[in-house]
């Protein structure tokens, strides 16, 4: 993925919005998907793009679909 790609930032904002709608902290989401809180933070900031597997875990934890986050 290109460094200046907007997808990671857009994805991160959608994940963060949905997480807040569900009243979850980053730490709570991280526990549900069995990843670190820092990794969740990096995804939400658009600094890291999650793998498809990680995106599926996040979508399940947020009770939505991966395609709705993209």
C-alpha atoms as a PDB file:
ATOM      1  CA  UNK A   1       0.000   0.000   0.000  1.00  0.00           C
ATOM      2  CA  UNK A   2       1.282   3.459  -0.847  1.00  0.00           C
ATOM      3  CA  UNK A   3       2.342   5.654   2.048  1.00  0.00           C
ATOM      4  CA  UNK A   4       0.044   8.477   0.997  1.00  0.00           C
ATOM      5  CA  UNK A   5      -2.974   6.214   0.583  1.00  0.00           C
ATOM      6  CA  UNK A   6      -6.110   7.531   2.255  1.00  0.00           C
ATOM      7  CA  UNK A   7      -7.565   4.077   2.925  1.00  0.00           C
ATOM      8  CA  UNK A   8      -5.822   3.424   6.277  1.00  0.00           C
ATOM      9  CA  UNK A   9      -6.929   6.815   7.663  1.00  0.00           C
ATOM     10  CA  UNK A  10     -10.491   6.415   6.400  1.00  0.00           C
ATOM     11  CA  UNK A  11     -10.660   2.874   7.751  1.00  0.00           C
ATOM     12  CA  UNK A  12      -9.243   3.982  11.089  1.00  0.00           C
ATOM     13  CA  UNK A  13     -11.804   6.761  11.458  1.00  0.00           C
ATOM     14  CA  UNK A  14     -14.669   4.368  10.702  1.00  0.00           C
ATOM     15  CA  UNK A  15     -13.380   1.837  13.228  1.00  0.00           C
ATOM     16  CA  UNK A  16     -12.969   4.540  15.856  1.00  0.00           C
ATOM     17  CA  UNK A  17     -16.470   5.928  15.194  1.00  0.00           C
ATOM     18  CA  UNK A  18     -18.075   2.490  15.482  1.00  0.00           C
ATOM     19  CA  UNK A  19     -16.061   1.670  18.621  1.00  0.00           C
ATOM     20  CA  UNK A  20     -17.244   4.877  20.276  1.00  0.00           C
ATOM     21  CA  UNK A  21     -20.855   4.211  19.218  1.00  0.00           C
ATOM     22  CA  UNK A  22     -20.588   0.917  21.084  1.00  0.00           C
ATOM     23  CA  UNK A  23     -19.035   2.736  24.057  1.00  0.00           C
ATOM     24  CA  UNK A  24     -15.891   0.613  23.970  1.00  0.00           C
ATOM     25  CA  UNK A  25     -12.422   1.813  24.871  1.00  0.00           C
ATOM     26  CA  UNK A  26      -9.437   0.913  22.713  1.00  0.00           C
ATOM     27  CA  UNK A  27      -8.348  -1.420  25.474  1.00  0.00           C
ATOM     28  CA  UNK A  28     -11.710  -3.213  25.542  1.00  0.00           C
ATOM     29  CA  UNK A  29     -11.675  -3.639  21.763  1.00  0.00           C
ATOM     30  CA  UNK A  30      -8.093  -4.883  21.897  1.00  0.00           C
ATOM     31  CA  UNK A  31      -9.061  -7.508  24.494  1.00  0.00           C
ATOM     32  CA  UNK A  32     -11.975  -8.700  22.350  1.00  0.00           C
ATOM     33  CA  UNK A  33      -9.748  -9.166  19.288  1.00  0.00           C
ATOM     34  CA  UNK A  34      -6.727 -10.366  21.296  1.00  0.00           C
ATOM     35  CA  UNK A  35      -4.367  -7.692  20.043  1.00  0.00           C
ATOM     36  CA  UNK A  36      -2.560  -4.868  21.793  1.00  0.00           C
ATOM     37  CA  UNK A  37      -4.180  -1.547  22.608  1.00  0.00           C
ATOM     38  CA  UNK A  38      -1.293   0.182  20.844  1.00  0.00           C
ATOM     39  CA  UNK A  39      -2.037  -1.737  17.636  1.00  0.00           C
ATOM     40  CA  UNK A  40      -5.702  -0.700  17.795  1.00  0.00           C
ATOM     41  CA  UNK A  41      -4.549   2.891  18.304  1.00  0.00           C
ATOM     42  CA  UNK A  42      -2.233   2.719  15.294  1.00  0.00           C
ATOM     43  CA  UNK A  43      -5.057   1.351  13.143  1.00  0.00           C
ATOM     44  CA  UNK A  44      -7.413   4.125  14.259  1.00  0.00           C
ATOM     45  CA  UNK A  45      -4.750   6.751  13.517  1.00  0.00           C
ATOM     46  CA  UNK A  46      -4.175   5.301  10.049  1.00  0.00           C
ATOM     47  CA  UNK A  47      -0.552   4.491  10.874  1.00  0.00           C
ATOM     48  CA  UNK A  48      -1.109   0.736  10.371  1.00  0.00           C
ATOM     49  CA  UNK A  49      -3.458  -1.036   7.983  1.00  0.00           C
ATOM     50  CA  UNK A  50      -4.839  -4.236   9.506  1.00  0.00           C
ATOM     51  CA  UNK A  51      -4.536  -7.561   7.736  1.00  0.00           C
ATOM     52  CA  UNK A  52      -7.758  -9.016   6.356  1.00  0.00           C
ATOM     53  CA  UNK A  53      -7.828 -11.435   9.284  1.00  0.00           C
ATOM     54  CA  UNK A  54      -7.456  -8.601  11.792  1.00  0.00           C
ATOM     55  CA  UNK A  55     -10.108  -6.551   9.973  1.00  0.00           C
ATOM     56  CA  UNK A  56     -12.548  -9.468  10.209  1.00  0.00           C
ATOM     57  CA  UNK A  57     -11.880  -9.787  13.960  1.00  0.00           C
ATOM     58  CA  UNK A  58     -12.416  -6.053  14.435  1.00  0.00           C
ATOM     59  CA  UNK A  59     -15.641  -6.113  12.410  1.00  0.00           C
ATOM     60  CA  UNK A  60     -17.003  -9.053  14.439  1.00  0.00           C
ATOM     61  CA  UNK A  61     -16.122  -7.342  17.722  1.00  0.00           C
ATOM     62  CA  UNK A  62     -17.871  -4.181  16.525  1.00  0.00           C
ATOM     63  CA  UNK A  63     -20.908  -6.197  15.347  1.00  0.00           C
ATOM     64  CA  UNK A  64     -20.590  -5.074  11.745  1.00  0.00           C
ATOM     65  CA  UNK A  65     -19.088  -6.313   8.492  1.00  0.00           C
ATOM     66  CA  UNK A  66     -15.610  -5.696   7.177  1.00  0.00           C
ATOM     67  CA  UNK A  67     -17.045  -4.238   3.970  1.00  0.00           C
ATOM     68  CA  UNK A  68     -18.997  -1.609   5.939  1.00  0.00           C
ATOM     69  CA  UNK A  69     -15.698  -0.394   7.436  1.00  0.00           C
ATOM     70  CA  UNK A  70     -13.980  -0.017   4.045  1.00  0.00           C
END
